[in-house]
Amino acid sequence: DENRRIREKLVRRETEATERKQAEAEQKKLEQRLRDQQFYTRSLIESNIDAIMTTDPSGIITDVNKEMEVLTGCTRDELIGAPFKNCFTDSGKAERGITLVLREKKLTNYELTARARHGKETSVSCSAKTFYDRDGNLQGVFVAARDVTERKRLDHVLREQNIELERSKSVAEKSDLAKSDFLSSIDRKSVV
């Protein structure tokens, strides 16, 4: 009887130890899956060619990627907690952009000029969308800012060339008209 109780106690302890080890192993697997998922999510954000940031509903930056650091010349730690509007030359327009996203739920091709710490200005086209937690509560705004400086420069060059082309066309048309008038006057003189 005493031996049976000792055996049952040992079996119970062994079972508890086995269950505890299994639970610890399962916990470690879950923790590793969570780390893997976090790494994957961060990799997606960092691999984007656009400057990406998230803000809370009041426009305070909550996260950024490396491209945003390059765009602003500020570190991630310096940007997180700063107002979104401070990254741009027209802070009022930047603030209105956040307000518009919150009202409309998304925004595309909203142009702003980013200002880096060292003074460099970069034209960006922002697309933004609100994001929510599982329960549908607004968490903030996700913003992707694409550098469009070169496109804007080329648009300007194209506009200038079109203006020059129109001037040349006008000069050519006036020249043709003058030539026609001259030839008409020669024809009239030769008839006389």
C-alpha atoms as a PDB file:
ATOM      1  CA  ASP A   1       0.000   0.000   0.000  1.00  0.00           C
ATOM      2  CA  GLU A   2       2.815   2.398   0.912  1.00  0.00           C
ATOM      3  CA  ASN A   3       4.763   1.330  -2.164  1.00  0.00           C
ATOM      4  CA  ARG A   4       1.739   1.931  -4.358  1.00  0.00           C
ATOM      5  CA  ARG A   5       1.308   5.473  -2.995  1.00  0.00           C
ATOM      6  CA  ILE A   6       5.009   6.213  -3.562  1.00  0.00           C
ATOM      7  CA  ARG A   7       4.776   4.869  -7.139  1.00  0.00           C
ATOM      8  CA  GLU A   8       1.649   6.986  -7.821  1.00  0.00           C
ATOM      9  CA  LYS A   9       3.377  10.045  -6.393  1.00  0.00           C
ATOM     10  CA  LEU A  10       6.451   9.436  -8.569  1.00  0.00           C
ATOM     11  CA  VAL A  11       4.305   8.861 -11.647  1.00  0.00           C
ATOM     12  CA  ARG A  12       2.349  12.053 -10.902  1.00  0.00           C
ATOM     13  CA  ARG A  13       5.572  14.066 -10.492  1.00  0.00           C
ATOM     14  CA  GLU A  14       6.983  12.583 -13.659  1.00  0.00           C
ATOM     15  CA  THR A  15       3.756  13.383 -15.539  1.00  0.00           C
ATOM     16  CA  GLU A  16       3.770  16.938 -14.175  1.00  0.00           C
ATOM     17  CA  ALA A  17       7.418  17.372 -15.150  1.00  0.00           C
ATOM     18  CA  THR A  18       6.718  16.038 -18.646  1.00  0.00           C
ATOM     19  CA  GLU A  19       3.671  18.327 -19.032  1.00  0.00           C
ATOM     20  CA  ARG A  20       5.698  21.292 -17.770  1.00  0.00           C
ATOM     21  CA  LYS A  21       8.493  20.533 -20.271  1.00  0.00           C
ATOM     22  CA  GLN A  22       5.952  20.187 -23.068  1.00  0.00           C
ATOM     23  CA  ALA A  23       4.320  23.493 -22.073  1.00  0.00           C
ATOM     24  CA  GLU A  24       7.729  25.202 -21.944  1.00  0.00           C
ATOM     25  CA  ALA A  25       8.652  23.773 -25.346  1.00  0.00           C
ATOM     26  CA  GLU A  26       5.316  24.946 -26.781  1.00  0.00           C
ATOM     27  CA  GLN A  27       5.846  28.395 -25.218  1.00  0.00           C
ATOM     28  CA  LYS A  28       9.316  28.594 -26.804  1.00  0.00           C
ATOM     29  CA  LYS A  29       7.843  27.634 -30.199  1.00  0.00           C
ATOM     30  CA  LEU A  30       5.175  30.326 -29.877  1.00  0.00           C
ATOM     31  CA  GLU A  31       7.756  32.917 -28.861  1.00  0.00           C
ATOM     32  CA  GLN A  32       9.937  31.968 -31.839  1.00  0.00           C
ATOM     33  CA  ARG A  33       6.952  32.204 -34.207  1.00  0.00           C
ATOM     34  CA  LEU A  34       6.164  35.640 -32.790  1.00  0.00           C
ATOM     35  CA  ARG A  35       9.789  36.784 -33.283  1.00  0.00           C
ATOM     36  CA  ASP A  36       9.738  35.388 -36.834  1.00  0.00           C
ATOM     37  CA  GLN A  37       6.481  37.204 -37.583  1.00  0.00           C
ATOM     38  CA  GLN A  38       7.833  40.466 -36.146  1.00  0.00           C
ATOM     39  CA  PHE A  39      11.014  40.095 -38.208  1.00  0.00           C
ATOM     40  CA  TYR A  40       8.972  39.396 -41.349  1.00  0.00           C
ATOM     41  CA  THR A  41       6.738  42.429 -40.767  1.00  0.00           C
ATOM     42  CA  ARG A  42       9.730  44.714 -40.092  1.00  0.00           C
ATOM     43  CA  SER A  43      11.466  43.344 -43.205  1.00  0.00           C
ATOM     44  CA  LEU A  44       8.455  44.284 -45.338  1.00  0.00           C
ATOM     45  CA  ILE A  45       8.490  47.810 -43.971  1.00  0.00           C
ATOM     46  CA  GLU A  46      12.252  48.205 -44.378  1.00  0.00           C
ATOM     47  CA  SER A  47      12.394  46.723 -47.886  1.00  0.00           C
ATOM     48  CA  ASN A  48      10.021  49.347 -49.267  1.00  0.00           C
ATOM     49  CA  ILE A  49      11.642  51.895 -51.591  1.00  0.00           C
ATOM     50  CA  ASP A  50       9.335  54.626 -50.280  1.00  0.00           C
ATOM     51  CA  ALA A  51       9.724  56.472 -47.005  1.00  0.00           C
ATOM     52  CA  ILE A  52       7.154  54.901 -44.679  1.00  0.00           C
ATOM     53  CA  MET A  53       5.812  56.137 -41.392  1.00  0.00           C
ATOM     54  CA  THR A  54       2.870  55.612 -39.122  1.00  0.00           C
ATOM     55  CA  THR A  55       1.279  58.243 -36.928  1.00  0.00           C
ATOM     56  CA  ASP A  56      -1.239  58.165 -34.153  1.00  0.00           C
ATOM     57  CA  PRO A  57      -4.588  59.891 -34.843  1.00  0.00           C
ATOM     58  CA  SER A  58      -3.169  63.236 -33.668  1.00  0.00           C
ATOM     59  CA  GLY A  59      -0.325  63.126 -36.209  1.00  0.00           C
ATOM     60  CA  ILE A  60       2.518  62.079 -33.907  1.00  0.00           C
ATOM     61  CA  ILE A  61       4.963  59.676 -35.586  1.00  0.00           C
ATOM     62  CA  THR A  62       4.876  56.185 -34.073  1.00  0.00           C
ATOM     63  CA  ASP A  63       7.153  54.290 -36.499  1.00  0.00           C
ATOM     64  CA  VAL A  64       9.353  54.889 -39.567  1.00  0.00           C
ATOM     65  CA  ASN A  65      11.525  52.900 -41.947  1.00  0.00           C
ATOM     66  CA  LYS A  66      15.139  53.572 -42.998  1.00  0.00           C
ATOM     67  CA  GLU A  67      14.004  55.485 -46.101  1.00  0.00           C
ATOM     68  CA  MET A  68      12.231  57.987 -43.848  1.00  0.00           C
ATOM     69  CA  GLU A  69      15.471  58.412 -41.897  1.00  0.00           C
ATOM     70  CA  VAL A  70      17.311  59.088 -45.178  1.00  0.00           C
ATOM     71  CA  LEU A  71      14.623  61.531 -46.344  1.00  0.00           C
ATOM     72  CA  THR A  72      14.710  63.577 -43.129  1.00  0.00           C
ATOM     73  CA  GLY A  73      18.298  63.089 -42.012  1.00  0.00           C
ATOM     74  CA  CYS A  74      16.953  62.112 -38.574  1.00  0.00           C
ATOM     75  CA  THR A  75      17.252  58.823 -36.723  1.00  0.00           C
ATOM     76  CA  ARG A  76      14.288  56.586 -36.031  1.00  0.00           C
ATOM     77  CA  ASP A  77      14.473  57.496 -32.336  1.00  0.00           C
ATOM     78  CA  GLU A  78      14.414  61.216 -33.190  1.00  0.00           C
ATOM     79  CA  LEU A  79      11.414  60.829 -35.487  1.00  0.00           C
ATOM     80  CA  ILE A  80       9.262  58.656 -33.227  1.00  0.00           C
ATOM     81  CA  GLY A  81       7.277  60.939 -30.972  1.00  0.00           C
ATOM     82  CA  ALA A  82       7.735  63.988 -33.232  1.00  0.00           C
ATOM     83  CA  PRO A  83       4.832  65.638 -35.075  1.00  0.00           C
ATOM     84  CA  PHE A  84       4.458  64.420 -38.683  1.00  0.00           C
ATOM     85  CA  LYS A  85       4.033  68.011 -39.864  1.00  0.00           C
ATOM     86  CA  ASN A  86       7.542  68.952 -38.719  1.00  0.00           C
ATOM     87  CA  CYS A  87       9.083  66.847 -41.497  1.00  0.00           C
ATOM     88  CA  PHE A  88       7.731  69.129 -44.227  1.00  0.00           C
ATOM     89  CA  THR A  89       8.249  72.689 -45.457  1.00  0.00           C
ATOM     90  CA  ASP A  90       4.512  73.455 -45.303  1.00  0.00           C
ATOM     91  CA  SER A  91       3.486  72.089 -41.901  1.00  0.00           C
ATOM     92  CA  GLY A  92      -0.081  73.353 -42.342  1.00  0.00           C
ATOM     93  CA  LYS A  93      -0.528  71.398 -45.563  1.00  0.00           C
ATOM     94  CA  ALA A  94       0.989  68.294 -43.930  1.00  0.00           C
ATOM     95  CA  GLU A  95      -1.417  68.639 -40.992  1.00  0.00           C
ATOM     96  CA  ARG A  96      -4.362  69.085 -43.384  1.00  0.00           C
ATOM     97  CA  GLY A  97      -3.257  65.874 -45.128  1.00  0.00           C
ATOM     98  CA  ILE A  98      -3.541  63.885 -41.882  1.00  0.00           C
ATOM     99  CA  THR A  99      -6.959  65.456 -41.195  1.00  0.00           C
ATOM    100  CA  LEU A 100      -8.082  64.546 -44.714  1.00  0.00           C
ATOM    101  CA  VAL A 101      -6.947  60.917 -44.309  1.00  0.00           C
ATOM    102  CA  LEU A 102      -8.787  60.640 -40.993  1.00  0.00           C
ATOM    103  CA  ARG A 103     -11.963  61.961 -42.624  1.00  0.00           C
ATOM    104  CA  GLU A 104     -11.766  60.110 -45.968  1.00  0.00           C
ATOM    105  CA  LYS A 105      -9.945  56.951 -44.674  1.00  0.00           C
ATOM    106  CA  LYS A 106      -7.362  57.241 -47.474  1.00  0.00           C
ATOM    107  CA  LEU A 107      -5.458  59.756 -49.558  1.00  0.00           C
ATOM    108  CA  THR A 108      -3.388  59.369 -52.735  1.00  0.00           C
ATOM    109  CA  ASN A 109      -0.882  61.559 -54.570  1.00  0.00           C
ATOM    110  CA  TYR A 110      -0.837  64.290 -51.930  1.00  0.00           C
ATOM    111  CA  GLU A 111       2.271  66.314 -52.729  1.00  0.00           C
ATOM    112  CA  LEU A 112       4.458  67.758 -50.009  1.00  0.00           C
ATOM    113  CA  THR A 113       8.056  68.901 -49.760  1.00  0.00           C
ATOM    114  CA  ALA A 114      10.094  67.075 -47.146  1.00  0.00           C
ATOM    115  CA  ARG A 115      12.856  69.005 -45.434  1.00  0.00           C
ATOM    116  CA  ALA A 116      15.910  67.171 -44.135  1.00  0.00           C
ATOM    117  CA  ARG A 117      17.797  68.306 -41.069  1.00  0.00           C
ATOM    118  CA  HIS A 118      20.672  69.548 -43.263  1.00  0.00           C
ATOM    119  CA  GLY A 119      18.271  71.647 -45.377  1.00  0.00           C
ATOM    120  CA  LYS A 120      17.821  69.448 -48.443  1.00  0.00           C
ATOM    121  CA  GLU A 121      14.271  69.597 -49.781  1.00  0.00           C
ATOM    122  CA  THR A 122      12.675  66.647 -51.557  1.00  0.00           C
ATOM    123  CA  SER A 123       9.344  66.668 -53.374  1.00  0.00           C
ATOM    124  CA  VAL A 124       7.263  63.670 -52.304  1.00  0.00           C
ATOM    125  CA  SER A 125       3.914  62.249 -53.295  1.00  0.00           C
ATOM    126  CA  CYS A 126       2.175  60.793 -50.252  1.00  0.00           C
ATOM    127  CA  SER A 127      -0.377  58.030 -50.168  1.00  0.00           C
ATOM    128  CA  ALA A 128      -1.955  57.321 -46.807  1.00  0.00           C
ATOM    129  CA  LYS A 129      -4.593  55.163 -45.193  1.00  0.00           C
ATOM    130  CA  THR A 130      -6.031  54.767 -41.721  1.00  0.00           C
ATOM    131  CA  PHE A 131      -5.352  51.541 -39.848  1.00  0.00           C
ATOM    132  CA  TYR A 132      -7.220  49.838 -37.017  1.00  0.00           C
ATOM    133  CA  ASP A 133      -6.775  47.233 -34.288  1.00  0.00           C
ATOM    134  CA  ARG A 134      -8.645  43.902 -34.217  1.00  0.00           C
ATOM    135  CA  ASP A 135     -11.665  45.475 -32.591  1.00  0.00           C
ATOM    136  CA  GLY A 136     -11.939  48.160 -35.268  1.00  0.00           C
ATOM    137  CA  ASN A 137     -10.541  50.982 -33.133  1.00  0.00           C
ATOM    138  CA  LEU A 138      -8.593  53.614 -35.056  1.00  0.00           C
ATOM    139  CA  GLN A 139      -4.870  53.268 -34.370  1.00  0.00           C
ATOM    140  CA  GLY A 140      -3.545  55.916 -36.710  1.00  0.00           C
ATOM    141  CA  VAL A 141      -2.394  56.648 -40.228  1.00  0.00           C
ATOM    142  CA  PHE A 142       0.007  54.699 -42.472  1.00  0.00           C
ATOM    143  CA  VAL A 143       1.880  57.008 -44.879  1.00  0.00           C
ATOM    144  CA  ALA A 144       4.116  56.144 -47.838  1.00  0.00           C
ATOM    145  CA  ALA A 145       6.057  59.079 -49.301  1.00  0.00           C
ATOM    146  CA  ARG A 146       7.571  58.585 -52.757  1.00  0.00           C
ATOM    147  CA  ASP A 147      10.367  60.873 -53.955  1.00  0.00           C
ATOM    148  CA  VAL A 148       9.050  62.659 -57.074  1.00  0.00           C
ATOM    149  CA  THR A 149      11.779  65.303 -57.295  1.00  0.00           C
ATOM    150  CA  GLU A 150      13.186  63.975 -60.586  1.00  0.00           C
ATOM    151  CA  ARG A 151       9.722  63.623 -62.129  1.00  0.00           C
ATOM    152  CA  LYS A 152       8.894  67.215 -61.177  1.00  0.00           C
ATOM    153  CA  ARG A 153      12.218  68.407 -62.631  1.00  0.00           C
ATOM    154  CA  LEU A 154      11.500  66.585 -65.896  1.00  0.00           C
ATOM    155  CA  ASP A 155       7.939  68.003 -65.969  1.00  0.00           C
ATOM    156  CA  HIS A 156       9.425  71.492 -65.610  1.00  0.00           C
ATOM    157  CA  VAL A 157      11.943  70.848 -68.431  1.00  0.00           C
ATOM    158  CA  LEU A 158       9.140  69.510 -70.636  1.00  0.00           C
ATOM    159  CA  ARG A 159       6.974  72.581 -69.924  1.00  0.00           C
ATOM    160  CA  GLU A 160       9.889  74.882 -70.784  1.00  0.00           C
ATOM    161  CA  GLN A 161      10.528  72.980 -74.027  1.00  0.00           C
ATOM    162  CA  ASN A 162       6.837  73.174 -74.939  1.00  0.00           C
ATOM    163  CA  ILE A 163       6.885  76.946 -74.364  1.00  0.00           C
ATOM    164  CA  GLU A 164       9.989  77.253 -76.558  1.00  0.00           C
ATOM    165  CA  LEU A 165       8.349  75.037 -79.191  1.00  0.00           C
ATOM    166  CA  GLU A 166       5.244  77.269 -79.191  1.00  0.00           C
ATOM    167  CA  ARG A 167       7.465  80.367 -79.589  1.00  0.00           C
ATOM    168  CA  SER A 168       9.334  78.732 -82.471  1.00  0.00           C
ATOM    169  CA  LYS A 169       6.047  77.731 -84.082  1.00  0.00           C
ATOM    170  CA  SER A 170       4.756  81.287 -83.769  1.00  0.00           C
ATOM    171  CA  VAL A 171       7.959  82.699 -85.290  1.00  0.00           C
ATOM    172  CA  ALA A 172       7.748  80.149 -88.128  1.00  0.00           C
ATOM    173  CA  GLU A 173       4.096  81.026 -88.794  1.00  0.00           C
ATOM    174  CA  LYS A 174       4.918  84.772 -88.857  1.00  0.00           C
ATOM    175  CA  SER A 175       7.841  84.037 -91.153  1.00  0.00           C
ATOM    176  CA  ASP A 176       5.598  82.039 -93.504  1.00  0.00           C
ATOM    177  CA  LEU A 177       3.053  84.864 -93.496  1.00  0.00           C
ATOM    178  CA  ALA A 178       5.753  87.450 -94.240  1.00  0.00           C
ATOM    179  CA  LYS A 179       7.117  85.246 -97.041  1.00  0.00           C
ATOM    180  CA  SER A 180       3.624  84.869 -98.516  1.00  0.00           C
ATOM    181  CA  ASP A 181       3.037  88.632 -98.315  1.00  0.00           C
ATOM    182  CA  PHE A 182       6.415  89.286 -99.950  1.00  0.00           C
ATOM    183  CA  LEU A 183       5.762  86.802-102.743  1.00  0.00           C
ATOM    184  CA  SER A 184       2.282  88.297-103.280  1.00  0.00           C
ATOM    185  CA  SER A 185       3.761  91.749-103.598  1.00  0.00           C
ATOM    186  CA  ILE A 186       6.361  90.501-106.108  1.00  0.00           C
ATOM    187  CA  ASP A 187       3.620  88.829-108.148  1.00  0.00           C
ATOM    188  CA  ARG A 188       1.618  92.092-108.216  1.00  0.00           C
ATOM    189  CA  LYS A 189       4.669  94.105-109.274  1.00  0.00           C
ATOM    190  CA  SER A 190       5.509  91.686-112.069  1.00  0.00           C
ATOM    191  CA  VAL A 191       1.942  91.894-113.366  1.00  0.00           C
ATOM    192  CA  VAL A 192       2.128  95.682-113.527  1.00  0.00           C
END
